[in-house]
């Protein structure tokens, strides 16, 4: 099963921030150097983090997800962090995050349509939402990593500590019409398949609008799912690509709303970048 293979491969490499409401983070390509003049080349690696200061919102109860805050010292500098769930040093507790998978039907100006509903089944049946055997226990992928990260406590005084995503609810698919200036289709050199690229600067405000129009509440985690559509920094081209997923948090009428965008790419596209649930795996767990 591809989903199991990918999540097991990523398990040893990543540590958890099960929603990471303090930062906007992107899952970016790590494939070969691109050739800007060749639209069939692999994309350029991209990384970006937009830092937000949500301390006042959290202190005033603006966030709907259960979180805890702590700090650590490295090189004489104290770093604070906030994570979803409860503090494992205080014993066993189980937190479940209500999530909704929102398939996106992305309609490009040249008539090409990428239907996210085709990737719902292998997303929701993956170990992200279902139990699998890991070294830290039989549980979901993200929970297994968080348990391993805090093994000092989990192995002794917090054996039943968990941070889980709930049984996935699948929303009705949402169609987004992508303007020609903000979205292009290109041929992927790895597979010969057509993929989509959308400017993240246009795309993210569309998702933020959906958070309100779809009446998500702050205690819910919407996961917007695309099929073979990546994002770019700026004009949509492989020279500005690729982002396979990101998470963000915004303050709106619901409170502090966290959400995720993720690609679920066909096998081999862009050299395997964003294949299956690898992008979503990253957005639920990060270093």
C-alpha atoms as a PDB file:
ATOM      1  CA  UNK A   1       0.000   0.000   0.000  1.00  0.00           C
ATOM      2  CA  UNK A   2       1.596   3.250  -1.092  1.00  0.00           C
ATOM      3  CA  UNK A   3       0.124   5.313   1.744  1.00  0.00           C
ATOM      4  CA  UNK A   4       1.616   3.038   4.383  1.00  0.00           C
ATOM      5  CA  UNK A   5       4.986   2.981   2.608  1.00  0.00           C
ATOM      6  CA  UNK A   6       5.207   6.761   2.445  1.00  0.00           C
ATOM      7  CA  UNK A   7       4.155   7.397   6.007  1.00  0.00           C
ATOM      8  CA  UNK A   8       6.525   4.799   7.392  1.00  0.00           C
ATOM      9  CA  UNK A   9       9.365   6.328   5.369  1.00  0.00           C
ATOM     10  CA  UNK A  10       8.669   9.777   6.776  1.00  0.00           C
ATOM     11  CA  UNK A  11       8.206   8.541  10.358  1.00  0.00           C
ATOM     12  CA  UNK A  12      11.888   8.567  11.279  1.00  0.00           C
ATOM     13  CA  UNK A  13      12.576  11.963   9.729  1.00  0.00           C
ATOM     14  CA  UNK A  14       9.941  14.256  11.228  1.00  0.00           C
ATOM     15  CA  UNK A  15       8.835  15.476  14.635  1.00  0.00           C
ATOM     16  CA  UNK A  16       5.365  16.663  15.461  1.00  0.00           C
ATOM     17  CA  UNK A  17       3.545  19.948  15.614  1.00  0.00           C
ATOM     18  CA  UNK A  18       0.047  18.579  15.038  1.00  0.00           C
ATOM     19  CA  UNK A  19      -1.420  21.757  13.469  1.00  0.00           C
ATOM     20  CA  UNK A  20       1.307  24.342  14.220  1.00  0.00           C
ATOM     21  CA  UNK A  21      -0.931  27.363  14.611  1.00  0.00           C
ATOM     22  CA  UNK A  22       2.030  29.666  15.199  1.00  0.00           C
ATOM     23  CA  UNK A  23       3.456  29.511  11.693  1.00  0.00           C
ATOM     24  CA  UNK A  24       2.489  29.360   8.060  1.00  0.00           C
ATOM     25  CA  UNK A  25       4.559  26.498   6.666  1.00  0.00           C
ATOM     26  CA  UNK A  26       4.925  25.056   3.191  1.00  0.00           C
ATOM     27  CA  UNK A  27       5.894  21.605   1.973  1.00  0.00           C
ATOM     28  CA  UNK A  28       8.226  22.291  -0.935  1.00  0.00           C
ATOM     29  CA  UNK A  29       9.982  20.332  -3.620  1.00  0.00           C
ATOM     30  CA  UNK A  30      13.383  18.780  -2.994  1.00  0.00           C
ATOM     31  CA  UNK A  31      13.884  17.517  -6.522  1.00  0.00           C
ATOM     32  CA  UNK A  32      16.466  18.449  -9.135  1.00  0.00           C
ATOM     33  CA  UNK A  33      17.249  21.988 -10.233  1.00  0.00           C
ATOM     34  CA  UNK A  34      14.719  23.364 -12.673  1.00  0.00           C
ATOM     35  CA  UNK A  35      15.304  24.923 -16.072  1.00  0.00           C
ATOM     36  CA  UNK A  36      13.205  28.066 -16.232  1.00  0.00           C
ATOM     37  CA  UNK A  37      12.830  27.960 -20.018  1.00  0.00           C
ATOM     38  CA  UNK A  38      11.638  24.345 -20.061  1.00  0.00           C
ATOM     39  CA  UNK A  39       8.118  23.753 -18.792  1.00  0.00           C
ATOM     40  CA  UNK A  40       8.720  19.991 -18.692  1.00  0.00           C
ATOM     41  CA  UNK A  41      11.584  20.238 -16.156  1.00  0.00           C
ATOM     42  CA  UNK A  42      11.426  19.362 -12.500  1.00  0.00           C
ATOM     43  CA  UNK A  43      10.667  22.251 -10.189  1.00  0.00           C
ATOM     44  CA  UNK A  44      13.017  24.328  -8.067  1.00  0.00           C
ATOM     45  CA  UNK A  45      13.042  23.616  -4.311  1.00  0.00           C
ATOM     46  CA  UNK A  46      11.103  26.264  -2.390  1.00  0.00           C
ATOM     47  CA  UNK A  47      10.799  26.977   1.325  1.00  0.00           C
ATOM     48  CA  UNK A  48       9.067  29.761   3.201  1.00  0.00           C
ATOM     49  CA  UNK A  49       7.727  30.329   6.706  1.00  0.00           C
ATOM     50  CA  UNK A  50       5.535  33.319   7.576  1.00  0.00           C
ATOM     51  CA  UNK A  51       5.625  33.841  11.311  1.00  0.00           C
ATOM     52  CA  UNK A  52       2.517  34.996  13.132  1.00  0.00           C
ATOM     53  CA  UNK A  53       2.180  36.249  16.679  1.00  0.00           C
ATOM     54  CA  UNK A  54      -0.915  34.617  18.099  1.00  0.00           C
ATOM     55  CA  UNK A  55       0.065  34.859  21.773  1.00  0.00           C
ATOM     56  CA  UNK A  56      -2.643  37.386  22.632  1.00  0.00           C
ATOM     57  CA  UNK A  57      -5.273  35.393  20.768  1.00  0.00           C
ATOM     58  CA  UNK A  58      -4.401  32.212  22.638  1.00  0.00           C
ATOM     59  CA  UNK A  59      -4.384  33.950  25.996  1.00  0.00           C
ATOM     60  CA  UNK A  60      -7.810  35.426  25.320  1.00  0.00           C
ATOM     61  CA  UNK A  61      -9.270  32.085  24.288  1.00  0.00           C
ATOM     62  CA  UNK A  62      -9.260  32.911  20.580  1.00  0.00           C
ATOM     63  CA  UNK A  63      -8.111  29.443  19.523  1.00  0.00           C
ATOM     64  CA  UNK A  64     -10.541  26.545  19.352  1.00  0.00           C
ATOM     65  CA  UNK A  65      -7.965  23.752  19.467  1.00  0.00           C
ATOM     66  CA  UNK A  66      -6.581  22.463  22.748  1.00  0.00           C
ATOM     67  CA  UNK A  67      -2.941  23.551  23.031  1.00  0.00           C
ATOM     68  CA  UNK A  68      -0.105  23.616  25.525  1.00  0.00           C
ATOM     69  CA  UNK A  69       3.002  25.773  25.655  1.00  0.00           C
ATOM     70  CA  UNK A  70       6.508  25.073  26.873  1.00  0.00           C
ATOM     71  CA  UNK A  71      10.098  26.005  26.055  1.00  0.00           C
ATOM     72  CA  UNK A  72      13.586  24.597  25.681  1.00  0.00           C
ATOM     73  CA  UNK A  73      17.081  26.050  25.761  1.00  0.00           C
ATOM     74  CA  UNK A  74      19.591  25.591  22.944  1.00  0.00           C
ATOM     75  CA  UNK A  75      22.875  27.445  22.647  1.00  0.00           C
ATOM     76  CA  UNK A  76      21.949  29.640  25.547  1.00  0.00           C
ATOM     77  CA  UNK A  77      18.755  30.810  23.831  1.00  0.00           C
ATOM     78  CA  UNK A  78      15.295  29.945  25.140  1.00  0.00           C
ATOM     79  CA  UNK A  79      12.770  28.921  22.498  1.00  0.00           C
ATOM     80  CA  UNK A  80       9.068  28.690  23.283  1.00  0.00           C
ATOM     81  CA  UNK A  81       6.621  26.540  21.375  1.00  0.00           C
ATOM     82  CA  UNK A  82       2.929  25.737  21.342  1.00  0.00           C
ATOM     83  CA  UNK A  83       1.566  22.342  20.353  1.00  0.00           C
ATOM     84  CA  UNK A  84      -1.888  20.863  19.951  1.00  0.00           C
ATOM     85  CA  UNK A  85      -2.931  18.467  22.675  1.00  0.00           C
ATOM     86  CA  UNK A  86      -1.854  18.344  26.317  1.00  0.00           C
ATOM     87  CA  UNK A  87       1.506  18.433  28.064  1.00  0.00           C
ATOM     88  CA  UNK A  88       2.825  14.841  28.143  1.00  0.00           C
ATOM     89  CA  UNK A  89       4.945  15.611  31.198  1.00  0.00           C
ATOM     90  CA  UNK A  90       1.696  15.913  33.157  1.00  0.00           C
ATOM     91  CA  UNK A  91       0.550  12.384  32.393  1.00  0.00           C
ATOM     92  CA  UNK A  92      -1.718  10.450  30.079  1.00  0.00           C
ATOM     93  CA  UNK A  93      -4.410  12.324  28.207  1.00  0.00           C
ATOM     94  CA  UNK A  94      -6.009  11.856  24.803  1.00  0.00           C
ATOM     95  CA  UNK A  95      -6.862  14.746  22.488  1.00  0.00           C
ATOM     96  CA  UNK A  96      -8.883  14.343  19.296  1.00  0.00           C
ATOM     97  CA  UNK A  97      -8.943  17.055  16.622  1.00  0.00           C
ATOM     98  CA  UNK A  98     -12.098  17.291  14.549  1.00  0.00           C
ATOM     99  CA  UNK A  99     -11.138  17.410  10.873  1.00  0.00           C
ATOM    100  CA  UNK A 100     -12.949  17.828   7.566  1.00  0.00           C
ATOM    101  CA  UNK A 101     -11.454  16.886   4.213  1.00  0.00           C
ATOM    102  CA  UNK A 102     -12.568  19.332   1.520  1.00  0.00           C
ATOM    103  CA  UNK A 103     -11.933  18.084  -2.041  1.00  0.00           C
ATOM    104  CA  UNK A 104     -11.139  20.898  -4.454  1.00  0.00           C
ATOM    105  CA  UNK A 105     -12.217  20.824  -8.089  1.00  0.00           C
ATOM    106  CA  UNK A 106      -9.798  23.271  -9.696  1.00  0.00           C
ATOM    107  CA  UNK A 107     -10.979  24.569 -13.072  1.00  0.00           C
ATOM    108  CA  UNK A 108      -8.247  26.245 -15.145  1.00  0.00           C
ATOM    109  CA  UNK A 109      -8.911  28.840 -17.824  1.00  0.00           C
ATOM    110  CA  UNK A 110      -7.874  26.460 -20.652  1.00  0.00           C
ATOM    111  CA  UNK A 111     -10.658  24.076 -19.654  1.00  0.00           C
ATOM    112  CA  UNK A 112      -8.493  21.584 -17.738  1.00  0.00           C
ATOM    113  CA  UNK A 113     -10.100  20.330 -14.540  1.00  0.00           C
ATOM    114  CA  UNK A 114      -8.307  18.640 -11.637  1.00  0.00           C
ATOM    115  CA  UNK A 115     -10.790  16.770  -9.439  1.00  0.00           C
ATOM    116  CA  UNK A 116      -9.759  16.347  -5.801  1.00  0.00           C
ATOM    117  CA  UNK A 117     -12.592  13.890  -5.132  1.00  0.00           C
ATOM    118  CA  UNK A 118     -10.529  11.253  -6.933  1.00  0.00           C
ATOM    119  CA  UNK A 119      -7.952  11.391  -4.127  1.00  0.00           C
ATOM    120  CA  UNK A 120     -10.302  11.276  -1.139  1.00  0.00           C
ATOM    121  CA  UNK A 121     -10.346   7.515  -0.685  1.00  0.00           C
ATOM    122  CA  UNK A 122      -6.596   6.900  -0.546  1.00  0.00           C
ATOM    123  CA  UNK A 123      -6.187   9.953   1.703  1.00  0.00           C
ATOM    124  CA  UNK A 124      -8.776   8.982   4.289  1.00  0.00           C
ATOM    125  CA  UNK A 125      -7.727   5.303   4.241  1.00  0.00           C
ATOM    126  CA  UNK A 126      -4.066   6.137   4.952  1.00  0.00           C
ATOM    127  CA  UNK A 127      -2.325   5.787   8.349  1.00  0.00           C
ATOM    128  CA  UNK A 128      -2.821   9.510   8.883  1.00  0.00           C
ATOM    129  CA  UNK A 129      -6.403   8.668   9.879  1.00  0.00           C
ATOM    130  CA  UNK A 130      -6.103   4.952  10.653  1.00  0.00           C
ATOM    131  CA  UNK A 131      -4.016   2.916  13.055  1.00  0.00           C
ATOM    132  CA  UNK A 132      -0.788   1.313  11.910  1.00  0.00           C
ATOM    133  CA  UNK A 133       2.053  -0.314  13.827  1.00  0.00           C
ATOM    134  CA  UNK A 134       4.896   2.048  14.760  1.00  0.00           C
ATOM    135  CA  UNK A 135       7.737   1.751  17.243  1.00  0.00           C
ATOM    136  CA  UNK A 136       5.840   3.997  19.669  1.00  0.00           C
ATOM    137  CA  UNK A 137       2.630   1.982  19.423  1.00  0.00           C
ATOM    138  CA  UNK A 138      -0.237   1.043  17.146  1.00  0.00           C
ATOM    139  CA  UNK A 139      -1.845   4.366  16.338  1.00  0.00           C
ATOM    140  CA  UNK A 140      -2.120   7.111  13.731  1.00  0.00           C
ATOM    141  CA  UNK A 141       0.992   8.407  12.008  1.00  0.00           C
ATOM    142  CA  UNK A 142       1.098  11.865  13.603  1.00  0.00           C
ATOM    143  CA  UNK A 143       0.278  10.536  17.045  1.00  0.00           C
ATOM    144  CA  UNK A 144       3.018   7.921  16.745  1.00  0.00           C
ATOM    145  CA  UNK A 145       5.592  10.628  16.066  1.00  0.00           C
ATOM    146  CA  UNK A 146       4.411  12.823  18.915  1.00  0.00           C
ATOM    147  CA  UNK A 147       4.524   9.853  21.294  1.00  0.00           C
ATOM    148  CA  UNK A 148       8.065   9.060  20.109  1.00  0.00           C
ATOM    149  CA  UNK A 149       9.146  12.670  20.472  1.00  0.00           C
ATOM    150  CA  UNK A 150       8.064  12.669  24.113  1.00  0.00           C
ATOM    151  CA  UNK A 151       9.045   9.057  24.771  1.00  0.00           C
ATOM    152  CA  UNK A 152      10.700  10.095  28.047  1.00  0.00           C
ATOM    153  CA  UNK A 153       7.194  10.573  29.434  1.00  0.00           C
ATOM    154  CA  UNK A 154       5.185   8.205  27.234  1.00  0.00           C
ATOM    155  CA  UNK A 155       7.344   5.238  28.195  1.00  0.00           C
ATOM    156  CA  UNK A 156       6.937   5.941  31.913  1.00  0.00           C
ATOM    157  CA  UNK A 157       4.181   8.176  33.275  1.00  0.00           C
ATOM    158  CA  UNK A 158       2.084   8.941  30.161  1.00  0.00           C
ATOM    159  CA  UNK A 159       1.666   5.567  28.467  1.00  0.00           C
ATOM    160  CA  UNK A 160      -1.832   6.448  27.221  1.00  0.00           C
ATOM    161  CA  UNK A 161      -0.883   9.880  25.869  1.00  0.00           C
ATOM    162  CA  UNK A 162      -2.356  10.593  22.423  1.00  0.00           C
ATOM    163  CA  UNK A 163      -3.022  13.446  19.990  1.00  0.00           C
ATOM    164  CA  UNK A 164      -5.283  12.134  17.252  1.00  0.00           C
ATOM    165  CA  UNK A 165      -7.187  13.384  14.239  1.00  0.00           C
ATOM    166  CA  UNK A 166     -10.794  12.304  14.334  1.00  0.00           C
ATOM    167  CA  UNK A 167     -12.625  10.061  11.914  1.00  0.00           C
ATOM    168  CA  UNK A 168     -12.467  12.150   8.746  1.00  0.00           C
ATOM    169  CA  UNK A 169     -15.585  13.927   7.590  1.00  0.00           C
ATOM    170  CA  UNK A 170     -15.637  14.559   3.849  1.00  0.00           C
ATOM    171  CA  UNK A 171     -17.312  17.771   2.749  1.00  0.00           C
ATOM    172  CA  UNK A 172     -19.018  18.379  -0.562  1.00  0.00           C
ATOM    173  CA  UNK A 173     -16.422  19.199  -3.204  1.00  0.00           C
ATOM    174  CA  UNK A 174     -15.828  22.892  -3.891  1.00  0.00           C
ATOM    175  CA  UNK A 175     -15.107  24.206  -7.381  1.00  0.00           C
ATOM    176  CA  UNK A 176     -12.632  27.060  -7.778  1.00  0.00           C
ATOM    177  CA  UNK A 177     -12.221  28.761 -11.136  1.00  0.00           C
ATOM    178  CA  UNK A 178      -8.575  29.737 -11.551  1.00  0.00           C
ATOM    179  CA  UNK A 179      -7.843  32.874 -13.621  1.00  0.00           C
ATOM    180  CA  UNK A 180      -5.314  32.590 -16.447  1.00  0.00           C
ATOM    181  CA  UNK A 181      -2.998  35.074 -14.733  1.00  0.00           C
ATOM    182  CA  UNK A 182      -2.863  32.984 -11.565  1.00  0.00           C
ATOM    183  CA  UNK A 183      -2.946  29.410 -12.805  1.00  0.00           C
ATOM    184  CA  UNK A 184      -1.309  27.429 -15.596  1.00  0.00           C
ATOM    185  CA  UNK A 185      -1.105  23.812 -16.689  1.00  0.00           C
ATOM    186  CA  UNK A 186       2.200  22.242 -17.743  1.00  0.00           C
ATOM    187  CA  UNK A 187       3.402  18.802 -18.741  1.00  0.00           C
ATOM    188  CA  UNK A 188       5.292  16.905 -16.056  1.00  0.00           C
ATOM    189  CA  UNK A 189       8.588  15.551 -17.359  1.00  0.00           C
ATOM    190  CA  UNK A 190       8.612  12.567 -14.999  1.00  0.00           C
ATOM    191  CA  UNK A 191       5.348  11.069 -16.202  1.00  0.00           C
ATOM    192  CA  UNK A 192       4.155  13.046 -19.230  1.00  0.00           C
ATOM    193  CA  UNK A 193       0.980  13.913 -17.324  1.00  0.00           C
ATOM    194  CA  UNK A 194      -0.541  17.383 -17.161  1.00  0.00           C
ATOM    195  CA  UNK A 195      -0.293  19.119 -13.794  1.00  0.00           C
ATOM    196  CA  UNK A 196      -1.625  22.420 -12.505  1.00  0.00           C
ATOM    197  CA  UNK A 197       0.282  25.287 -10.892  1.00  0.00           C
ATOM    198  CA  UNK A 198      -1.439  28.130  -9.006  1.00  0.00           C
ATOM    199  CA  UNK A 199       0.056  31.300  -7.520  1.00  0.00           C
ATOM    200  CA  UNK A 200      -0.163  30.917  -3.730  1.00  0.00           C
ATOM    201  CA  UNK A 201      -0.624  34.673  -3.325  1.00  0.00           C
ATOM    202  CA  UNK A 202      -3.934  34.398  -5.196  1.00  0.00           C
ATOM    203  CA  UNK A 203      -4.875  30.972  -3.875  1.00  0.00           C
ATOM    204  CA  UNK A 204      -4.557  31.383  -0.107  1.00  0.00           C
ATOM    205  CA  UNK A 205      -7.114  34.225   0.095  1.00  0.00           C
ATOM    206  CA  UNK A 206      -9.556  31.936  -1.746  1.00  0.00           C
ATOM    207  CA  UNK A 207      -9.173  29.304   0.979  1.00  0.00           C
ATOM    208  CA  UNK A 208      -9.515  31.904   3.715  1.00  0.00           C
ATOM    209  CA  UNK A 209     -12.802  32.965   2.135  1.00  0.00           C
ATOM    210  CA  UNK A 210     -13.988  29.356   2.165  1.00  0.00           C
ATOM    211  CA  UNK A 211     -13.266  29.076   5.875  1.00  0.00           C
ATOM    212  CA  UNK A 212     -16.013  31.610   6.444  1.00  0.00           C
ATOM    213  CA  UNK A 213     -18.463  30.643   3.698  1.00  0.00           C
ATOM    214  CA  UNK A 214     -18.338  26.953   4.674  1.00  0.00           C
ATOM    215  CA  UNK A 215     -18.933  27.863   8.333  1.00  0.00           C
ATOM    216  CA  UNK A 216     -15.937  26.100   9.805  1.00  0.00           C
ATOM    217  CA  UNK A 217     -15.498  26.595  13.525  1.00  0.00           C
ATOM    218  CA  UNK A 218     -12.236  27.201  15.342  1.00  0.00           C
ATOM    219  CA  UNK A 219     -12.250  23.715  16.898  1.00  0.00           C
ATOM    220  CA  UNK A 220     -12.255  22.131  13.422  1.00  0.00           C
ATOM    221  CA  UNK A 221      -9.314  21.439  11.113  1.00  0.00           C
ATOM    222  CA  UNK A 222     -10.268  21.840   7.426  1.00  0.00           C
ATOM    223  CA  UNK A 223      -7.969  19.965   5.027  1.00  0.00           C
ATOM    224  CA  UNK A 224      -8.267  21.255   1.451  1.00  0.00           C
ATOM    225  CA  UNK A 225      -7.282  18.469  -0.959  1.00  0.00           C
ATOM    226  CA  UNK A 226      -6.039  18.896  -4.536  1.00  0.00           C
ATOM    227  CA  UNK A 227      -5.340  16.355  -7.237  1.00  0.00           C
ATOM    228  CA  UNK A 228      -2.056  16.989  -9.131  1.00  0.00           C
ATOM    229  CA  UNK A 229      -2.143  20.756  -8.520  1.00  0.00           C
ATOM    230  CA  UNK A 230       0.872  22.461  -6.908  1.00  0.00           C
ATOM    231  CA  UNK A 231       1.337  26.060  -5.820  1.00  0.00           C
ATOM    232  CA  UNK A 232       3.993  28.573  -6.867  1.00  0.00           C
ATOM    233  CA  UNK A 233       5.601  31.641  -5.337  1.00  0.00           C
ATOM    234  CA  UNK A 234       4.448  34.316  -7.758  1.00  0.00           C
ATOM    235  CA  UNK A 235       3.549  33.725 -11.397  1.00  0.00           C
ATOM    236  CA  UNK A 236       2.432  30.132 -12.046  1.00  0.00           C
ATOM    237  CA  UNK A 237       5.339  28.372 -13.734  1.00  0.00           C
ATOM    238  CA  UNK A 238       7.741  25.564 -12.926  1.00  0.00           C
ATOM    239  CA  UNK A 239      10.457  28.163 -12.384  1.00  0.00           C
ATOM    240  CA  UNK A 240       8.433  29.412  -9.392  1.00  0.00           C
ATOM    241  CA  UNK A 241       7.151  25.990  -8.318  1.00  0.00           C
ATOM    242  CA  UNK A 242       6.566  23.896  -6.271  1.00  0.00           C
ATOM    243  CA  UNK A 243       4.657  23.953  -3.007  1.00  0.00           C
ATOM    244  CA  UNK A 244       2.946  20.662  -2.253  1.00  0.00           C
ATOM    245  CA  UNK A 245       1.106  21.825   0.839  1.00  0.00           C
ATOM    246  CA  UNK A 246       0.978  24.327   3.659  1.00  0.00           C
ATOM    247  CA  UNK A 247      -0.751  25.044   6.935  1.00  0.00           C
ATOM    248  CA  UNK A 248      -1.813  28.408   8.222  1.00  0.00           C
ATOM    249  CA  UNK A 249      -3.908  29.997  10.947  1.00  0.00           C
ATOM    250  CA  UNK A 250      -5.988  33.145  10.644  1.00  0.00           C
ATOM    251  CA  UNK A 251      -8.159  35.145  12.987  1.00  0.00           C
ATOM    252  CA  UNK A 252     -11.686  35.404  11.624  1.00  0.00           C
ATOM    253  CA  UNK A 253     -15.243  35.454  12.935  1.00  0.00           C
ATOM    254  CA  UNK A 254     -14.856  31.854  14.137  1.00  0.00           C
ATOM    255  CA  UNK A 255     -11.775  32.677  16.227  1.00  0.00           C
ATOM    256  CA  UNK A 256      -8.281  31.442  15.536  1.00  0.00           C
ATOM    257  CA  UNK A 257      -8.863  29.118  12.567  1.00  0.00           C
ATOM    258  CA  UNK A 258      -6.203  26.619  11.519  1.00  0.00           C
ATOM    259  CA  UNK A 259      -6.328  24.949   8.111  1.00  0.00           C
ATOM    260  CA  UNK A 260      -4.280  22.855   5.686  1.00  0.00           C
ATOM    261  CA  UNK A 261      -3.845  22.702   1.929  1.00  0.00           C
ATOM    262  CA  UNK A 262      -2.326  19.547   0.473  1.00  0.00           C
ATOM    263  CA  UNK A 263      -1.669  18.004  -2.900  1.00  0.00           C
ATOM    264  CA  UNK A 264      -2.183  14.291  -3.477  1.00  0.00           C
ATOM    265  CA  UNK A 265      -0.106  13.687  -6.589  1.00  0.00           C
ATOM    266  CA  UNK A 266      -0.112  10.638  -8.840  1.00  0.00           C
ATOM    267  CA  UNK A 267       2.814   8.273  -8.510  1.00  0.00           C
ATOM    268  CA  UNK A 268       6.025   9.608 -10.055  1.00  0.00           C
ATOM    269  CA  UNK A 269       4.874  13.171 -10.763  1.00  0.00           C
ATOM    270  CA  UNK A 270       7.706  15.667 -10.205  1.00  0.00           C
ATOM    271  CA  UNK A 271       9.980  12.760  -9.367  1.00  0.00           C
ATOM    272  CA  UNK A 272       7.590  11.571  -6.659  1.00  0.00           C
ATOM    273  CA  UNK A 273       7.290  14.901  -4.848  1.00  0.00           C
ATOM    274  CA  UNK A 274       3.899  15.234  -3.179  1.00  0.00           C
ATOM    275  CA  UNK A 275       2.994  11.657  -4.102  1.00  0.00           C
ATOM    276  CA  UNK A 276       0.002  10.180  -2.304  1.00  0.00           C
ATOM    277  CA  UNK A 277      -0.228  11.510   1.297  1.00  0.00           C
ATOM    278  CA  UNK A 278       3.401  12.601   1.714  1.00  0.00           C
ATOM    279  CA  UNK A 279       2.530  16.322   1.618  1.00  0.00           C
ATOM    280  CA  UNK A 280      -0.302  15.915   4.103  1.00  0.00           C
ATOM    281  CA  UNK A 281       2.003  13.867   6.328  1.00  0.00           C
ATOM    282  CA  UNK A 282       4.358  16.828   6.419  1.00  0.00           C
ATOM    283  CA  UNK A 283       1.657  19.355   7.208  1.00  0.00           C
ATOM    284  CA  UNK A 284       0.509  17.369  10.234  1.00  0.00           C
ATOM    285  CA  UNK A 285       4.052  16.865  11.468  1.00  0.00           C
ATOM    286  CA  UNK A 286       7.015  19.184  11.071  1.00  0.00           C
ATOM    287  CA  UNK A 287      10.432  19.735  12.543  1.00  0.00           C
END
